[in-house]
């Protein structure tokens, strides 16, 4: 196992719901390199096409965010602290597992 942070090519941004579903084993992601990924069901079969989505009842688009925006945070908006905390905790837990693996291998 290689120590250190994952290469940027292997990183993918997920919403908090899919991040939790990934950790629960509801699906898996395999990095193919070059920012390409394959997605797999819990039985290992490949998800060829994303399931059809729908907006929740009563949901309305935020018209202050451009369709091609990279960051939805703009003046007057706030950071989703819950999501940021989840990401920081996952990074901390991953690093702790790496340290434990390194100690066990020594």
C-alpha atoms as a PDB file:
ATOM      1  CA  UNK A   1       0.000   0.000   0.000  1.00  0.00           C
ATOM      2  CA  UNK A   2       1.286   3.467  -0.859  1.00  0.00           C
ATOM      3  CA  UNK A   3       1.451   5.943   2.019  1.00  0.00           C
ATOM      4  CA  UNK A   4       0.291   9.510   1.650  1.00  0.00           C
ATOM      5  CA  UNK A   5      -2.787  11.196   0.275  1.00  0.00           C
ATOM      6  CA  UNK A   6      -4.648   9.687  -2.681  1.00  0.00           C
ATOM      7  CA  UNK A   7      -3.602  11.010  -6.092  1.00  0.00           C
ATOM      8  CA  UNK A   8      -5.940  13.821  -7.263  1.00  0.00           C
ATOM      9  CA  UNK A   9      -6.863  11.661 -10.258  1.00  0.00           C
ATOM     10  CA  UNK A  10      -8.611   9.244  -7.889  1.00  0.00           C
ATOM     11  CA  UNK A  11     -10.781  11.822  -6.132  1.00  0.00           C
ATOM     12  CA  UNK A  12     -14.467  12.223  -6.798  1.00  0.00           C
ATOM     13  CA  UNK A  13     -16.952  14.663  -5.277  1.00  0.00           C
ATOM     14  CA  UNK A  14     -20.125  13.153  -3.866  1.00  0.00           C
ATOM     15  CA  UNK A  15     -23.132  14.703  -2.209  1.00  0.00           C
ATOM     16  CA  UNK A  16     -23.548  13.760   1.451  1.00  0.00           C
ATOM     17  CA  UNK A  17     -26.318  11.229   0.715  1.00  0.00           C
ATOM     18  CA  UNK A  18     -24.188   9.321  -1.794  1.00  0.00           C
ATOM     19  CA  UNK A  19     -21.105   9.628   0.422  1.00  0.00           C
ATOM     20  CA  UNK A  20     -22.981   7.891   3.241  1.00  0.00           C
ATOM     21  CA  UNK A  21     -24.442   5.293   0.836  1.00  0.00           C
ATOM     22  CA  UNK A  22     -20.922   4.510  -0.387  1.00  0.00           C
ATOM     23  CA  UNK A  23     -19.740   3.935   3.201  1.00  0.00           C
ATOM     24  CA  UNK A  24     -22.788   1.752   3.889  1.00  0.00           C
ATOM     25  CA  UNK A  25     -21.770  -0.440   0.926  1.00  0.00           C
ATOM     26  CA  UNK A  26     -24.836   0.356  -1.174  1.00  0.00           C
ATOM     27  CA  UNK A  27     -22.570   0.896  -4.172  1.00  0.00           C
ATOM     28  CA  UNK A  28     -18.856   1.071  -4.996  1.00  0.00           C
ATOM     29  CA  UNK A  29     -16.714   3.327  -7.158  1.00  0.00           C
ATOM     30  CA  UNK A  30     -13.624   2.161  -9.035  1.00  0.00           C
ATOM     31  CA  UNK A  31     -11.113   4.734 -10.275  1.00  0.00           C
ATOM     32  CA  UNK A  32     -10.089   4.142 -13.880  1.00  0.00           C
ATOM     33  CA  UNK A  33      -7.537   6.984 -13.915  1.00  0.00           C
ATOM     34  CA  UNK A  34      -7.771  10.276 -15.773  1.00  0.00           C
ATOM     35  CA  UNK A  35     -10.770  11.285 -13.601  1.00  0.00           C
ATOM     36  CA  UNK A  36     -12.798   8.392 -15.050  1.00  0.00           C
ATOM     37  CA  UNK A  37     -14.751   6.113 -12.723  1.00  0.00           C
ATOM     38  CA  UNK A  38     -16.978   3.062 -12.910  1.00  0.00           C
ATOM     39  CA  UNK A  39     -19.846   2.580 -10.503  1.00  0.00           C
ATOM     40  CA  UNK A  40     -20.949  -0.806  -9.163  1.00  0.00           C
ATOM     41  CA  UNK A  41     -23.921  -2.209  -7.289  1.00  0.00           C
ATOM     42  CA  UNK A  42     -23.363  -4.015  -3.994  1.00  0.00           C
ATOM     43  CA  UNK A  43     -23.358  -7.341  -5.895  1.00  0.00           C
ATOM     44  CA  UNK A  44     -20.421  -6.080  -8.008  1.00  0.00           C
ATOM     45  CA  UNK A  45     -22.352  -5.596 -11.251  1.00  0.00           C
ATOM     46  CA  UNK A  46     -21.575  -2.404 -13.168  1.00  0.00           C
ATOM     47  CA  UNK A  47     -24.081   0.443 -13.131  1.00  0.00           C
ATOM     48  CA  UNK A  48     -24.115   1.366 -16.823  1.00  0.00           C
ATOM     49  CA  UNK A  49     -26.494   4.295 -16.540  1.00  0.00           C
ATOM     50  CA  UNK A  50     -27.481   6.434 -13.601  1.00  0.00           C
ATOM     51  CA  UNK A  51     -30.973   5.708 -12.316  1.00  0.00           C
ATOM     52  CA  UNK A  52     -33.558   8.283 -13.295  1.00  0.00           C
ATOM     53  CA  UNK A  53     -33.788  11.041 -10.745  1.00  0.00           C
ATOM     54  CA  UNK A  54     -36.572  13.362  -9.780  1.00  0.00           C
ATOM     55  CA  UNK A  55     -36.807  16.484  -7.745  1.00  0.00           C
ATOM     56  CA  UNK A  56     -38.482  16.270  -4.350  1.00  0.00           C
ATOM     57  CA  UNK A  57     -42.004  17.665  -4.060  1.00  0.00           C
ATOM     58  CA  UNK A  58     -41.891  21.412  -3.499  1.00  0.00           C
ATOM     59  CA  UNK A  59     -38.250  21.768  -4.574  1.00  0.00           C
ATOM     60  CA  UNK A  60     -37.445  24.864  -6.597  1.00  0.00           C
ATOM     61  CA  UNK A  61     -34.109  25.641  -8.275  1.00  0.00           C
ATOM     62  CA  UNK A  62     -32.016  28.436  -6.756  1.00  0.00           C
ATOM     63  CA  UNK A  63     -32.012  30.912  -9.639  1.00  0.00           C
ATOM     64  CA  UNK A  64     -29.108  32.851  -8.104  1.00  0.00           C
ATOM     65  CA  UNK A  65     -26.756  29.961  -8.969  1.00  0.00           C
ATOM     66  CA  UNK A  66     -25.606  29.748 -12.585  1.00  0.00           C
ATOM     67  CA  UNK A  67     -26.242  26.414 -14.326  1.00  0.00           C
ATOM     68  CA  UNK A  68     -22.511  25.981 -14.958  1.00  0.00           C
ATOM     69  CA  UNK A  69     -21.384  27.099 -11.482  1.00  0.00           C
ATOM     70  CA  UNK A  70     -18.603  25.073  -9.910  1.00  0.00           C
ATOM     71  CA  UNK A  71     -19.119  26.338  -6.368  1.00  0.00           C
ATOM     72  CA  UNK A  72     -22.661  27.077  -5.197  1.00  0.00           C
ATOM     73  CA  UNK A  73     -21.328  29.339  -2.437  1.00  0.00           C
ATOM     74  CA  UNK A  74     -21.650  32.969  -3.371  1.00  0.00           C
ATOM     75  CA  UNK A  75     -21.836  36.219  -1.391  1.00  0.00           C
ATOM     76  CA  UNK A  76     -24.632  35.970   1.133  1.00  0.00           C
ATOM     77  CA  UNK A  77     -24.613  32.141   1.083  1.00  0.00           C
ATOM     78  CA  UNK A  78     -23.026  29.819   3.628  1.00  0.00           C
ATOM     79  CA  UNK A  79     -20.826  26.745   3.730  1.00  0.00           C
ATOM     80  CA  UNK A  80     -22.620  23.469   4.484  1.00  0.00           C
ATOM     81  CA  UNK A  81     -20.780  22.804   7.746  1.00  0.00           C
ATOM     82  CA  UNK A  82     -22.346  19.366   8.157  1.00  0.00           C
ATOM     83  CA  UNK A  83     -21.004  18.199   4.825  1.00  0.00           C
ATOM     84  CA  UNK A  84     -17.601  19.790   5.446  1.00  0.00           C
ATOM     85  CA  UNK A  85     -17.424  18.004   8.812  1.00  0.00           C
ATOM     86  CA  UNK A  86     -18.277  14.667   7.163  1.00  0.00           C
ATOM     87  CA  UNK A  87     -15.462  15.123   4.657  1.00  0.00           C
ATOM     88  CA  UNK A  88     -12.946  16.108   7.332  1.00  0.00           C
ATOM     89  CA  UNK A  89     -13.949  13.160   9.524  1.00  0.00           C
ATOM     90  CA  UNK A  90     -13.655  10.727   6.584  1.00  0.00           C
ATOM     91  CA  UNK A  91     -10.172  12.080   5.790  1.00  0.00           C
ATOM     92  CA  UNK A  92      -9.170  11.740   9.448  1.00  0.00           C
ATOM     93  CA  UNK A  93     -10.530   8.174   9.661  1.00  0.00           C
ATOM     94  CA  UNK A  94      -8.785   7.194   6.401  1.00  0.00           C
ATOM     95  CA  UNK A  95      -5.482   8.576   7.691  1.00  0.00           C
ATOM     96  CA  UNK A  96      -5.933   6.749  11.012  1.00  0.00           C
ATOM     97  CA  UNK A  97      -6.568   3.457   9.155  1.00  0.00           C
ATOM     98  CA  UNK A  98      -3.454   4.041   7.063  1.00  0.00           C
ATOM     99  CA  UNK A  99      -1.375   4.601  10.207  1.00  0.00           C
ATOM    100  CA  UNK A 100      -2.784   1.437  11.785  1.00  0.00           C
ATOM    101  CA  UNK A 101      -2.041  -0.554   8.605  1.00  0.00           C
ATOM    102  CA  UNK A 102       1.524   0.798   8.572  1.00  0.00           C
ATOM    103  CA  UNK A 103       2.004  -0.189  12.242  1.00  0.00           C
ATOM    104  CA  UNK A 104       0.594  -3.678  11.635  1.00  0.00           C
ATOM    105  CA  UNK A 105       2.895  -4.190   8.627  1.00  0.00           C
ATOM    106  CA  UNK A 106       6.012  -3.206  10.644  1.00  0.00           C
END
